[in-house]
Amino acid sequence: MSASHTILVEPPSEGSLWLVTFADLTAILVAFFVLIYSMSSPLSGQGRGAVAGGSGTAAVDQSNTQPDARRVTSASQPTLTVDYLSAVFADRGLAPQGTSGPLSQHVEHGRLVVRFASDFAFANDQRTLRPLADGVVADLSRILSGVANPISIMSSVPTDDWTLAFDRADSVVEALRQAGYTRSVERFVAPGLPEDALLIIVSDRRGGVL
């Protein structure tokens, strides 16, 4: 004779099924917050540079050479590709992509070049930034302050007036500083720069613009 055994499986209690939903919801929330954290500051060094084909004279802005414990080091900040920054500038309406117009930007040899035409950028004294151009520089400063990409300023030399060229570059540096940009900025003047323009150059590289 063989004895038959019946195995009774107790169905899961309906009172504990909420734990499955709770665990799923918790996992989703954790993934959501991790995603938010990873995207929270994609935009929040000493640079050297020149636009390809142009020659110029450089002067280092020394106002940021002293150490300051309050400053965030570039090692803790991301270095974004200039193509990404270009798209961000365009999406925020700061500078349209292209190579012409009063305000424009284009990517060239691993650098993002933001071009200000002089009549758009400067007031009648040819040295002071117009309010609209000052606002653009301030917005650029807030974005560039959150990344480690080095920047430099390059000014043309109108009518061989080198003092005016450096004054224009200084006015842009001052606008960057007033908007909160604290890292070093190198200024260039370039007598061979086409047209009467001023450039803000952003590099892909953490170590410098060249």
N, C-alpha and C. Protein backbone atom coordinates (compact mmCIF):
# COMPACT_ATOMS: atom_id res chain seq x y z
N MET A 1 0.84 -1.20 0.00
CA MET A 1 0.00 0.00 0.00
C MET A 1 0.88 1.25 0.00
N SER A 2 0.45 2.17 -0.71
CA SER A 2 1.20 3.43 -0.74
C SER A 2 0.34 4.54 -0.13
N ALA A 3 0.98 5.28 0.67
CA ALA A 3 0.25 6.37 1.33
C ALA A 3 0.37 7.64 0.48
N SER A 4 -0.71 8.25 0.25
CA SER A 4 -0.68 9.51 -0.51
C SER A 4 -0.63 10.68 0.46
N HIS A 5 0.21 11.63 0.09
CA HIS A 5 0.35 12.82 0.95
C HIS A 5 -0.15 14.04 0.18
N THR A 6 -0.93 14.77 0.80
CA THR A 6 -1.45 16.00 0.20
C THR A 6 -0.74 17.19 0.82
N ILE A 7 -0.11 18.00 -0.06
CA ILE A 7 0.62 19.20 0.41
C ILE A 7 -0.29 20.40 0.21
N LEU A 8 -0.55 21.05 1.27
CA LEU A 8 -1.41 22.22 1.23
C LEU A 8 -0.54 23.48 1.18
N VAL A 9 -0.73 24.26 0.14
CA VAL A 9 0.00 25.52 0.01
C VAL A 9 -0.92 26.65 0.43
N GLU A 10 -0.46 27.36 1.43
CA GLU A 10 -1.28 28.44 1.96
C GLU A 10 -1.18 29.66 1.03
N PRO A 11 -2.27 30.13 0.52
CA PRO A 11 -2.23 31.30 -0.38
C PRO A 11 -1.69 32.51 0.37
N PRO A 12 -0.98 33.39 -0.35
CA PRO A 12 -0.44 34.58 0.32
C PRO A 12 -1.54 35.45 0.89
N SER A 13 -1.23 36.00 1.99
CA SER A 13 -2.20 36.85 2.67
C SER A 13 -2.38 38.14 1.89
N GLU A 14 -3.60 38.51 1.67
CA GLU A 14 -3.88 39.75 0.94
C GLU A 14 -3.42 40.97 1.73
N GLY A 15 -3.28 40.80 3.02
CA GLY A 15 -2.85 41.92 3.82
C GLY A 15 -1.42 42.33 3.61
N SER A 16 -0.58 41.47 3.01
CA SER A 16 0.83 41.80 2.79
C SER A 16 1.14 42.15 1.33
N LEU A 17 0.15 42.15 0.47
CA LEU A 17 0.39 42.46 -0.94
C LEU A 17 0.80 43.91 -1.15
N TRP A 18 0.45 44.80 -0.23
CA TRP A 18 0.83 46.20 -0.37
C TRP A 18 2.34 46.38 -0.34
N LEU A 19 3.04 45.41 0.28
CA LEU A 19 4.50 45.52 0.35
C LEU A 19 5.13 45.48 -1.03
N VAL A 20 4.53 44.70 -1.94
CA VAL A 20 5.06 44.62 -3.30
C VAL A 20 4.95 45.98 -3.99
N THR A 21 3.78 46.58 -3.88
CA THR A 21 3.58 47.91 -4.47
C THR A 21 4.48 48.95 -3.83
N PHE A 22 4.62 48.85 -2.51
CA PHE A 22 5.48 49.81 -1.79
C PHE A 22 6.94 49.67 -2.24
N ALA A 23 7.41 48.44 -2.40
CA ALA A 23 8.80 48.22 -2.83
C ALA A 23 9.03 48.77 -4.24
N ASP A 24 8.05 48.54 -5.13
CA ASP A 24 8.17 49.07 -6.49
C ASP A 24 8.21 50.59 -6.49
N LEU A 25 7.32 51.19 -5.71
CA LEU A 25 7.27 52.65 -5.65
C LEU A 25 8.57 53.22 -5.08
N THR A 26 9.10 52.57 -4.06
CA THR A 26 10.35 53.04 -3.46
C THR A 26 11.50 52.97 -4.47
N ALA A 27 11.58 51.88 -5.22
CA ALA A 27 12.63 51.75 -6.23
C ALA A 27 12.51 52.83 -7.30
N ILE A 28 11.27 53.13 -7.70
CA ILE A 28 11.05 54.16 -8.71
C ILE A 28 11.47 55.53 -8.17
N LEU A 29 11.12 55.81 -6.92
CA LEU A 29 11.50 57.09 -6.33
C LEU A 29 13.01 57.24 -6.21
N VAL A 30 13.69 56.15 -5.81
CA VAL A 30 15.15 56.20 -5.70
C VAL A 30 15.77 56.49 -7.06
N ALA A 31 15.28 55.79 -8.10
CA ALA A 31 15.80 56.01 -9.45
C ALA A 31 15.52 57.44 -9.91
N PHE A 32 14.34 57.97 -9.54
CA PHE A 32 13.99 59.34 -9.93
C PHE A 32 14.92 60.36 -9.29
N PHE A 33 15.20 60.21 -8.00
CA PHE A 33 16.07 61.16 -7.31
C PHE A 33 17.52 61.04 -7.78
N VAL A 34 17.96 59.82 -8.11
CA VAL A 34 19.30 59.67 -8.67
C VAL A 34 19.40 60.38 -10.01
N LEU A 35 18.35 60.27 -10.82
CA LEU A 35 18.33 60.96 -12.11
C LEU A 35 18.36 62.47 -11.95
N ILE A 36 17.56 62.98 -11.00
CA ILE A 36 17.55 64.42 -10.74
C ILE A 36 18.92 64.89 -10.28
N TYR A 37 19.54 64.13 -9.38
CA TYR A 37 20.85 64.52 -8.87
C TYR A 37 21.90 64.55 -9.99
N SER A 38 21.83 63.56 -10.87
CA SER A 38 22.84 63.49 -11.93
C SER A 38 22.67 64.60 -12.95
N MET A 39 21.47 65.18 -13.04
CA MET A 39 21.21 66.25 -14.00
C MET A 39 21.06 67.61 -13.34
N SER A 40 21.32 67.70 -12.04
CA SER A 40 21.01 68.92 -11.31
C SER A 40 21.90 70.08 -11.67
N SER A 41 23.19 69.83 -12.02
CA SER A 41 24.08 70.95 -12.30
C SER A 41 24.97 70.68 -13.50
N PRO A 42 24.38 70.45 -14.67
CA PRO A 42 25.23 70.30 -15.85
C PRO A 42 25.85 71.62 -16.24
N LEU A 43 25.24 72.71 -15.70
CA LEU A 43 25.75 74.04 -16.01
C LEU A 43 25.91 74.80 -14.70
N SER A 44 26.38 74.93 -13.93
CA SER A 44 26.41 75.80 -12.71
C SER A 44 27.43 76.62 -12.85
N GLY A 45 40.87 78.07 -13.92
CA GLY A 45 41.86 77.47 -14.81
C GLY A 45 42.49 78.59 -15.55
N GLN A 46 43.09 78.49 -15.61
CA GLN A 46 43.73 79.53 -16.40
C GLN A 46 43.64 79.15 -17.86
N GLY A 47 43.22 80.07 -18.68
CA GLY A 47 43.05 79.75 -20.08
C GLY A 47 43.99 80.53 -20.96
N ARG A 48 44.38 79.91 -22.05
CA ARG A 48 45.15 80.59 -23.07
C ARG A 48 44.51 80.26 -24.40
N GLY A 49 44.37 81.23 -25.28
CA GLY A 49 43.75 80.86 -26.53
C GLY A 49 43.81 81.95 -27.57
N ALA A 50 43.55 81.55 -28.77
CA ALA A 50 43.43 82.47 -29.89
C ALA A 50 42.62 81.77 -30.95
N VAL A 51 41.88 82.55 -31.72
CA VAL A 51 41.12 81.98 -32.82
C VAL A 51 42.09 81.56 -33.91
N ALA A 52 41.81 80.43 -34.52
CA ALA A 52 42.71 79.92 -35.55
C ALA A 52 42.88 80.94 -36.65
N GLY A 53 44.12 81.15 -37.04
CA GLY A 53 44.41 82.08 -38.11
C GLY A 53 44.62 83.50 -37.66
N GLY A 54 44.40 83.79 -36.35
CA GLY A 54 44.56 85.15 -35.88
C GLY A 54 45.74 85.28 -34.95
N SER A 55 46.42 86.40 -35.03
CA SER A 55 47.53 86.66 -34.13
C SER A 55 47.11 87.72 -33.14
N GLY A 56 47.68 87.69 -31.96
CA GLY A 56 47.26 88.67 -30.98
C GLY A 56 48.24 88.79 -29.85
N THR A 57 48.00 89.77 -29.01
CA THR A 57 48.80 90.00 -27.83
C THR A 57 47.95 89.68 -26.63
N ALA A 58 48.50 88.97 -25.65
CA ALA A 58 47.73 88.52 -24.51
C ALA A 58 48.11 89.28 -23.26
N ALA A 59 47.15 89.43 -22.38
CA ALA A 59 47.40 89.99 -21.06
C ALA A 59 46.56 89.23 -20.07
N VAL A 60 47.18 88.70 -19.03
CA VAL A 60 46.45 87.87 -18.07
C VAL A 60 45.71 88.75 -17.09
N ASP A 61 44.46 88.40 -16.82
CA ASP A 61 43.70 89.08 -15.79
C ASP A 61 44.18 88.57 -14.44
N GLN A 62 44.85 89.40 -13.67
CA GLN A 62 45.45 88.98 -12.41
C GLN A 62 44.50 89.09 -11.23
N SER A 63 43.28 89.50 -11.45
CA SER A 63 42.37 89.72 -10.33
C SER A 63 41.91 88.43 -9.69
N ASN A 64 42.25 87.30 -10.30
CA ASN A 64 41.78 86.03 -9.76
C ASN A 64 42.92 85.07 -9.50
N THR A 65 44.11 85.57 -9.29
CA THR A 65 45.25 84.68 -9.10
C THR A 65 45.46 84.30 -7.65
N GLN A 66 44.87 85.03 -6.70
CA GLN A 66 45.04 84.71 -5.30
C GLN A 66 44.09 83.60 -4.90
N PRO A 67 44.53 82.66 -4.06
CA PRO A 67 43.65 81.58 -3.64
C PRO A 67 42.52 82.10 -2.77
N ASP A 68 41.37 81.50 -2.89
CA ASP A 68 40.20 81.87 -2.11
C ASP A 68 39.47 80.60 -1.73
N ALA A 69 39.35 80.35 -0.44
CA ALA A 69 38.74 79.11 0.03
C ALA A 69 37.27 79.04 -0.30
N ARG A 70 36.66 80.19 -0.60
CA ARG A 70 35.24 80.18 -0.91
C ARG A 70 34.94 79.73 -2.32
N ARG A 71 35.94 79.73 -3.17
CA ARG A 71 35.73 79.37 -4.55
C ARG A 71 35.68 77.85 -4.73
N VAL A 72 34.84 77.42 -5.65
CA VAL A 72 34.76 76.00 -5.96
C VAL A 72 35.85 75.67 -6.97
N THR A 73 36.63 74.67 -6.70
CA THR A 73 37.72 74.32 -7.61
C THR A 73 37.16 73.70 -8.87
N SER A 74 37.88 73.91 -9.97
CA SER A 74 37.43 73.37 -11.24
C SER A 74 37.45 71.85 -11.26
N ALA A 75 38.24 71.23 -10.36
CA ALA A 75 38.29 69.77 -10.32
C ALA A 75 36.95 69.18 -9.93
N SER A 76 36.13 69.94 -9.20
CA SER A 76 34.83 69.43 -8.76
C SER A 76 33.72 69.78 -9.74
N GLN A 77 34.06 70.43 -10.84
CA GLN A 77 33.06 70.84 -11.81
C GLN A 77 33.23 70.08 -13.11
N PRO A 78 32.13 69.89 -13.83
CA PRO A 78 32.23 69.14 -15.10
C PRO A 78 32.83 69.99 -16.20
N THR A 79 33.49 69.33 -17.14
CA THR A 79 33.93 69.98 -18.37
C THR A 79 33.01 69.51 -19.48
N LEU A 80 32.21 70.41 -20.01
CA LEU A 80 31.23 70.05 -21.02
C LEU A 80 31.80 70.26 -22.42
N THR A 81 31.29 69.52 -23.36
CA THR A 81 31.72 69.71 -24.75
C THR A 81 31.19 71.04 -25.25
N VAL A 82 31.95 71.67 -26.12
CA VAL A 82 31.52 72.97 -26.62
C VAL A 82 30.27 72.83 -27.49
N ASP A 83 30.07 71.66 -28.09
CA ASP A 83 28.84 71.46 -28.87
C ASP A 83 27.62 71.50 -27.95
N TYR A 84 27.77 70.90 -26.77
CA TYR A 84 26.66 70.92 -25.80
C TYR A 84 26.41 72.34 -25.31
N LEU A 85 27.48 73.06 -24.97
CA LEU A 85 27.32 74.43 -24.52
C LEU A 85 26.70 75.30 -25.61
N SER A 86 27.11 75.07 -26.85
CA SER A 86 26.54 75.82 -27.96
C SER A 86 25.04 75.61 -28.05
N ALA A 87 24.61 74.35 -27.88
CA ALA A 87 23.18 74.05 -27.92
C ALA A 87 22.45 74.71 -26.75
N VAL A 88 23.09 74.72 -25.58
CA VAL A 88 22.49 75.36 -24.41
C VAL A 88 22.32 76.86 -24.64
N PHE A 89 23.36 77.51 -25.16
CA PHE A 89 23.28 78.94 -25.43
C PHE A 89 22.17 79.24 -26.42
N ALA A 90 22.07 78.41 -27.46
CA ALA A 90 21.04 78.64 -28.48
C ALA A 90 19.65 78.40 -27.91
N ASP A 91 19.49 77.32 -27.12
CA ASP A 91 18.18 77.00 -26.55
C ASP A 91 17.70 78.09 -25.59
N ARG A 92 18.63 78.72 -24.89
CA ARG A 92 18.26 79.77 -23.95
C ARG A 92 18.17 81.14 -24.61
N GLY A 93 18.36 81.19 -25.91
CA GLY A 93 18.22 82.44 -26.63
C GLY A 93 19.34 83.43 -26.39
N LEU A 94 20.50 82.96 -25.92
CA LEU A 94 21.60 83.86 -25.62
C LEU A 94 22.35 84.27 -26.88
N ALA A 95 22.62 83.31 -27.75
CA ALA A 95 23.38 83.61 -28.96
C ALA A 95 22.97 82.63 -30.04
N PRO A 96 22.44 83.12 -31.15
CA PRO A 96 22.05 82.21 -32.24
C PRO A 96 23.28 81.60 -32.89
N GLN A 97 23.13 80.39 -33.39
CA GLN A 97 24.23 79.71 -34.05
C GLN A 97 24.42 80.28 -35.45
N GLY A 98 25.68 80.48 -35.82
CA GLY A 98 26.00 81.05 -37.11
C GLY A 98 27.31 81.81 -37.02
N THR A 99 27.65 82.52 -38.07
CA THR A 99 28.90 83.27 -38.11
C THR A 99 28.70 84.73 -38.45
N SER A 100 27.46 85.19 -38.45
CA SER A 100 27.19 86.58 -38.79
C SER A 100 26.11 87.12 -37.88
N GLY A 101 25.90 88.41 -37.97
CA GLY A 101 24.89 89.06 -37.16
C GLY A 101 25.53 89.80 -35.99
N PRO A 102 24.74 90.62 -35.28
CA PRO A 102 25.28 91.38 -34.16
C PRO A 102 25.75 90.50 -33.00
N LEU A 103 25.11 89.34 -32.85
CA LEU A 103 25.49 88.38 -31.81
C LEU A 103 25.35 86.99 -32.39
N SER A 104 26.41 86.22 -32.36
CA SER A 104 26.38 84.89 -32.97
C SER A 104 27.39 83.99 -32.27
N GLN A 105 27.32 82.71 -32.58
CA GLN A 105 28.25 81.75 -32.01
C GLN A 105 28.49 80.63 -33.01
N HIS A 106 29.69 80.05 -32.95
CA HIS A 106 29.98 78.89 -33.77
C HIS A 106 31.11 78.10 -33.10
N VAL A 107 31.18 76.82 -33.43
CA VAL A 107 32.22 75.93 -32.91
C VAL A 107 33.34 75.85 -33.93
N GLU A 108 34.58 76.03 -33.46
CA GLU A 108 35.73 76.07 -34.35
C GLU A 108 36.93 75.45 -33.65
N HIS A 109 37.43 74.33 -34.20
CA HIS A 109 38.64 73.69 -33.69
C HIS A 109 38.55 73.39 -32.19
N GLY A 110 37.44 72.82 -31.76
CA GLY A 110 37.29 72.46 -30.36
C GLY A 110 37.04 73.64 -29.44
N ARG A 111 36.64 74.78 -30.00
CA ARG A 111 36.35 75.96 -29.20
C ARG A 111 34.98 76.50 -29.60
N LEU A 112 34.30 77.03 -28.62
CA LEU A 112 33.05 77.73 -28.87
C LEU A 112 33.34 79.23 -28.88
N VAL A 113 33.08 79.87 -29.99
CA VAL A 113 33.38 81.29 -30.17
C VAL A 113 32.06 82.06 -30.19
N VAL A 114 31.86 82.91 -29.19
CA VAL A 114 30.69 83.78 -29.13
C VAL A 114 31.13 85.17 -29.58
N ARG A 115 30.54 85.66 -30.65
CA ARG A 115 30.98 86.92 -31.28
C ARG A 115 29.97 88.04 -31.01
N PHE A 116 30.49 89.17 -30.51
CA PHE A 116 29.72 90.38 -30.32
C PHE A 116 30.19 91.43 -31.33
N ALA A 117 29.30 91.92 -32.17
CA ALA A 117 29.65 93.04 -33.02
C ALA A 117 29.78 94.28 -32.15
N SER A 118 30.71 95.17 -32.48
CA SER A 118 30.99 96.31 -31.62
C SER A 118 29.78 97.23 -31.46
N ASP A 119 29.02 97.45 -32.54
CA ASP A 119 27.87 98.35 -32.44
C ASP A 119 26.76 97.75 -31.60
N PHE A 120 26.73 96.41 -31.47
CA PHE A 120 25.77 95.76 -30.58
C PHE A 120 26.27 95.76 -29.14
N ALA A 121 27.57 95.60 -28.96
CA ALA A 121 28.12 95.40 -27.62
C ALA A 121 28.36 96.69 -26.87
N PHE A 122 28.82 97.74 -27.55
CA PHE A 122 29.33 98.91 -26.85
C PHE A 122 28.50 100.16 -27.10
N ALA A 123 28.45 100.99 -26.06
CA ALA A 123 27.71 102.25 -26.13
C ALA A 123 28.50 103.28 -26.93
N ASN A 124 28.05 104.51 -26.88
CA ASN A 124 28.66 105.55 -27.71
C ASN A 124 30.12 105.81 -27.36
N ASP A 125 30.49 105.55 -26.09
CA ASP A 125 31.89 105.76 -25.73
C ASP A 125 32.80 104.65 -26.23
N GLN A 126 32.22 103.61 -26.84
CA GLN A 126 32.95 102.50 -27.43
C GLN A 126 33.67 101.63 -26.39
N ARG A 127 33.41 101.87 -25.11
CA ARG A 127 34.06 101.09 -24.05
C ARG A 127 33.07 100.41 -23.11
N THR A 128 31.96 101.03 -22.86
CA THR A 128 30.96 100.53 -21.92
C THR A 128 29.98 99.61 -22.63
N LEU A 129 29.69 98.46 -22.02
CA LEU A 129 28.75 97.54 -22.62
C LEU A 129 27.33 98.10 -22.57
N ARG A 130 26.62 97.93 -23.65
CA ARG A 130 25.20 98.28 -23.66
C ARG A 130 24.44 97.35 -22.71
N PRO A 131 23.29 97.78 -22.19
CA PRO A 131 22.53 96.93 -21.25
C PRO A 131 22.20 95.56 -21.80
N LEU A 132 21.82 95.48 -23.08
CA LEU A 132 21.46 94.18 -23.66
C LEU A 132 22.68 93.27 -23.72
N ALA A 133 23.81 93.80 -24.18
CA ALA A 133 25.03 92.99 -24.25
C ALA A 133 25.51 92.61 -22.85
N ASP A 134 25.38 93.53 -21.90
CA ASP A 134 25.75 93.24 -20.51
C ASP A 134 24.91 92.10 -19.96
N GLY A 135 23.62 92.10 -20.30
CA GLY A 135 22.75 91.01 -19.85
C GLY A 135 23.13 89.67 -20.45
N VAL A 136 23.53 89.68 -21.72
CA VAL A 136 23.98 88.44 -22.36
C VAL A 136 25.23 87.91 -21.68
N VAL A 137 26.19 88.81 -21.42
CA VAL A 137 27.43 88.40 -20.75
C VAL A 137 27.13 87.85 -19.36
N ALA A 138 26.21 88.49 -18.64
CA ALA A 138 25.84 88.02 -17.30
C ALA A 138 25.24 86.62 -17.35
N ASP A 139 24.37 86.38 -18.33
CA ASP A 139 23.77 85.05 -18.47
C ASP A 139 24.83 84.01 -18.83
N LEU A 140 25.75 84.37 -19.71
CA LEU A 140 26.84 83.46 -20.05
C LEU A 140 27.69 83.16 -18.82
N SER A 141 27.92 84.19 -18.00
CA SER A 141 28.73 84.01 -16.79
C SER A 141 28.08 83.01 -15.85
N ARG A 142 26.77 83.11 -15.67
CA ARG A 142 26.08 82.19 -14.75
C ARG A 142 26.18 80.75 -15.23
N ILE A 143 26.15 80.56 -16.52
CA ILE A 143 26.29 79.20 -17.05
C ILE A 143 27.72 78.72 -16.92
N LEU A 144 28.68 79.55 -17.34
CA LEU A 144 30.08 79.13 -17.36
C LEU A 144 30.66 79.01 -15.96
N SER A 145 30.06 79.65 -14.96
CA SER A 145 30.55 79.53 -13.59
C SER A 145 30.36 78.11 -13.06
N GLY A 146 29.45 77.37 -13.65
CA GLY A 146 29.16 76.03 -13.17
C GLY A 146 29.92 74.93 -13.88
N VAL A 147 30.80 75.29 -14.80
CA VAL A 147 31.57 74.28 -15.52
C VAL A 147 33.04 74.64 -15.46
N ALA A 148 33.88 73.67 -15.77
CA ALA A 148 35.33 73.87 -15.67
C ALA A 148 35.95 74.34 -16.98
N ASN A 149 35.15 74.51 -18.01
CA ASN A 149 35.71 74.95 -19.29
C ASN A 149 36.36 76.32 -19.16
N PRO A 150 37.63 76.45 -19.54
CA PRO A 150 38.29 77.77 -19.48
C PRO A 150 37.78 78.69 -20.56
N ILE A 151 37.82 79.99 -20.29
CA ILE A 151 37.38 80.98 -21.27
C ILE A 151 38.44 82.07 -21.39
N SER A 152 38.40 82.77 -22.52
CA SER A 152 39.26 83.92 -22.74
C SER A 152 38.48 84.95 -23.54
N ILE A 153 38.96 86.17 -23.49
CA ILE A 153 38.34 87.28 -24.21
C ILE A 153 39.30 87.76 -25.28
N MET A 154 38.81 87.96 -26.49
CA MET A 154 39.63 88.49 -27.57
C MET A 154 38.92 89.69 -28.19
N SER A 155 39.67 90.78 -28.31
CA SER A 155 39.11 92.00 -28.87
C SER A 155 39.89 92.40 -30.11
N SER A 156 39.16 92.92 -31.09
CA SER A 156 39.83 93.51 -32.25
C SER A 156 40.46 94.84 -31.85
N VAL A 157 41.28 95.39 -32.72
CA VAL A 157 41.94 96.67 -32.46
C VAL A 157 41.39 97.69 -33.44
N PRO A 158 40.35 98.42 -33.05
CA PRO A 158 39.76 99.39 -34.00
C PRO A 158 40.67 100.59 -34.19
N THR A 159 40.89 100.95 -35.41
CA THR A 159 41.70 102.12 -35.78
C THR A 159 43.04 102.15 -35.04
N ASP A 160 43.62 100.98 -34.88
CA ASP A 160 44.93 100.84 -34.22
C ASP A 160 44.94 101.40 -32.81
N ASP A 161 43.80 101.43 -32.16
CA ASP A 161 43.71 101.93 -30.78
C ASP A 161 43.78 100.74 -29.82
N TRP A 162 45.00 100.40 -29.38
CA TRP A 162 45.20 99.24 -28.53
C TRP A 162 44.61 99.45 -27.15
N THR A 163 44.65 100.67 -26.67
CA THR A 163 44.06 100.96 -25.36
C THR A 163 42.56 100.70 -25.38
N LEU A 164 41.91 101.13 -26.43
CA LEU A 164 40.48 100.88 -26.58
C LEU A 164 40.20 99.38 -26.63
N ALA A 165 41.03 98.63 -27.33
CA ALA A 165 40.83 97.18 -27.43
C ALA A 165 40.90 96.52 -26.06
N PHE A 166 41.91 96.89 -25.25
CA PHE A 166 42.01 96.30 -23.91
C PHE A 166 40.89 96.79 -23.00
N ASP A 167 40.47 98.04 -23.16
CA ASP A 167 39.36 98.54 -22.35
C ASP A 167 38.08 97.77 -22.64
N ARG A 168 37.88 97.43 -23.91
CA ARG A 168 36.70 96.65 -24.26
C ARG A 168 36.75 95.25 -23.63
N ALA A 169 37.92 94.63 -23.71
CA ALA A 169 38.07 93.31 -23.08
C ALA A 169 37.88 93.41 -21.57
N ASP A 170 38.40 94.48 -20.97
CA ASP A 170 38.24 94.67 -19.52
C ASP A 170 36.78 94.83 -19.15
N SER A 171 36.00 95.52 -19.99
CA SER A 171 34.59 95.72 -19.67
C SER A 171 33.83 94.40 -19.67
N VAL A 172 34.22 93.48 -20.56
CA VAL A 172 33.57 92.17 -20.58
C VAL A 172 33.98 91.36 -19.36
N VAL A 173 35.26 91.41 -19.00
CA VAL A 173 35.72 90.71 -17.80
C VAL A 173 34.99 91.23 -16.57
N GLU A 174 34.84 92.54 -16.49
CA GLU A 174 34.14 93.14 -15.35
C GLU A 174 32.69 92.68 -15.29
N ALA A 175 32.03 92.58 -16.44
CA ALA A 175 30.65 92.09 -16.47
C ALA A 175 30.58 90.64 -16.02
N LEU A 176 31.57 89.82 -16.41
CA LEU A 176 31.63 88.44 -15.94
C LEU A 176 31.78 88.40 -14.43
N ARG A 177 32.67 89.24 -13.88
CA ARG A 177 32.91 89.27 -12.44
C ARG A 177 31.65 89.69 -11.68
N GLN A 178 30.98 90.72 -12.17
CA GLN A 178 29.78 91.20 -11.48
C GLN A 178 28.68 90.15 -11.46
N ALA A 179 28.67 89.28 -12.46
CA ALA A 179 27.67 88.21 -12.51
C ALA A 179 28.09 86.98 -11.74
N GLY A 180 29.31 86.99 -11.15
CA GLY A 180 29.71 85.89 -10.28
C GLY A 180 30.79 84.98 -10.82
N TYR A 181 31.35 85.28 -11.98
CA TYR A 181 32.42 84.43 -12.52
C TYR A 181 33.71 84.75 -11.77
N THR A 182 34.37 83.73 -11.19
CA THR A 182 35.51 83.96 -10.30
C THR A 182 36.83 83.42 -10.83
N ARG A 183 36.81 82.57 -11.86
CA ARG A 183 38.07 82.01 -12.32
C ARG A 183 38.82 83.01 -13.21
N SER A 184 40.08 82.70 -13.46
CA SER A 184 40.91 83.61 -14.24
C SER A 184 40.43 83.69 -15.68
N VAL A 185 40.58 84.87 -16.24
CA VAL A 185 40.20 85.12 -17.63
C VAL A 185 41.38 85.81 -18.30
N GLU A 186 41.81 85.29 -19.43
CA GLU A 186 42.91 85.91 -20.15
C GLU A 186 42.36 86.75 -21.29
N ARG A 187 42.91 87.94 -21.43
CA ARG A 187 42.46 88.86 -22.47
C ARG A 187 43.46 88.88 -23.61
N PHE A 188 42.93 88.94 -24.83
CA PHE A 188 43.74 89.04 -26.03
C PHE A 188 43.27 90.21 -26.86
N VAL A 189 44.18 90.86 -27.52
CA VAL A 189 43.81 91.81 -28.57
C VAL A 189 44.44 91.32 -29.87
N ALA A 190 43.69 91.41 -30.94
CA ALA A 190 44.13 90.83 -32.20
C ALA A 190 43.90 91.84 -33.32
N PRO A 191 44.96 92.50 -33.77
CA PRO A 191 44.79 93.46 -34.87
C PRO A 191 44.33 92.81 -36.16
N GLY A 192 44.57 91.51 -36.32
CA GLY A 192 44.15 90.84 -37.55
C GLY A 192 42.77 90.24 -37.47
N LEU A 193 42.03 90.49 -36.37
CA LEU A 193 40.69 89.93 -36.22
C LEU A 193 39.74 90.56 -37.23
N PRO A 194 39.05 89.74 -38.02
CA PRO A 194 38.14 90.31 -39.03
C PRO A 194 37.05 91.15 -38.39
N GLU A 195 36.78 92.28 -38.98
CA GLU A 195 35.72 93.20 -38.55
C GLU A 195 36.01 93.74 -37.15
N ASP A 196 35.17 94.62 -36.72
CA ASP A 196 35.32 95.25 -35.41
C ASP A 196 34.47 94.45 -34.43
N ALA A 197 35.06 93.43 -33.82
CA ALA A 197 34.28 92.51 -33.02
C ALA A 197 35.00 92.18 -31.73
N LEU A 198 34.25 91.58 -30.81
CA LEU A 198 34.80 91.06 -29.57
C LEU A 198 34.32 89.62 -29.41
N LEU A 199 35.23 88.74 -28.99
CA LEU A 199 34.92 87.32 -28.89
C LEU A 199 35.07 86.82 -27.46
N ILE A 200 34.15 85.96 -27.05
CA ILE A 200 34.30 85.15 -25.84
C ILE A 200 34.55 83.73 -26.31
N ILE A 201 35.69 83.17 -25.94
CA ILE A 201 36.10 81.86 -26.44
C ILE A 201 36.05 80.85 -25.30
N VAL A 202 35.32 79.76 -25.51
CA VAL A 202 35.19 78.70 -24.52
C VAL A 202 35.85 77.46 -25.07
N SER A 203 36.71 76.84 -24.26
CA SER A 203 37.45 75.66 -24.71
C SER A 203 36.82 74.38 -24.20
N ASP A 204 37.05 73.31 -24.95
CA ASP A 204 36.66 71.97 -24.52
C ASP A 204 37.57 71.45 -23.42
N ARG A 205 38.81 71.96 -23.37
CA ARG A 205 39.83 71.37 -22.52
C ARG A 205 39.88 72.07 -21.18
N ARG A 206 40.11 71.26 -20.11
CA ARG A 206 40.18 71.80 -18.76
C ARG A 206 41.46 72.59 -18.54
N GLY A 207 42.51 72.26 -19.28
CA GLY A 207 43.80 72.87 -19.01
C GLY A 207 44.04 74.18 -19.71
N GLY A 208 43.26 74.52 -20.70
CA GLY A 208 43.50 75.78 -21.39
C GLY A 208 42.75 75.84 -22.70
N VAL A 209 42.78 77.00 -23.30
CA VAL A 209 42.02 77.21 -24.52
C VAL A 209 42.77 76.71 -25.73
N LEU A 210 44.08 76.72 -25.71
CA LEU A 210 44.84 76.28 -26.86
C LEU A 210 44.73 74.78 -27.03
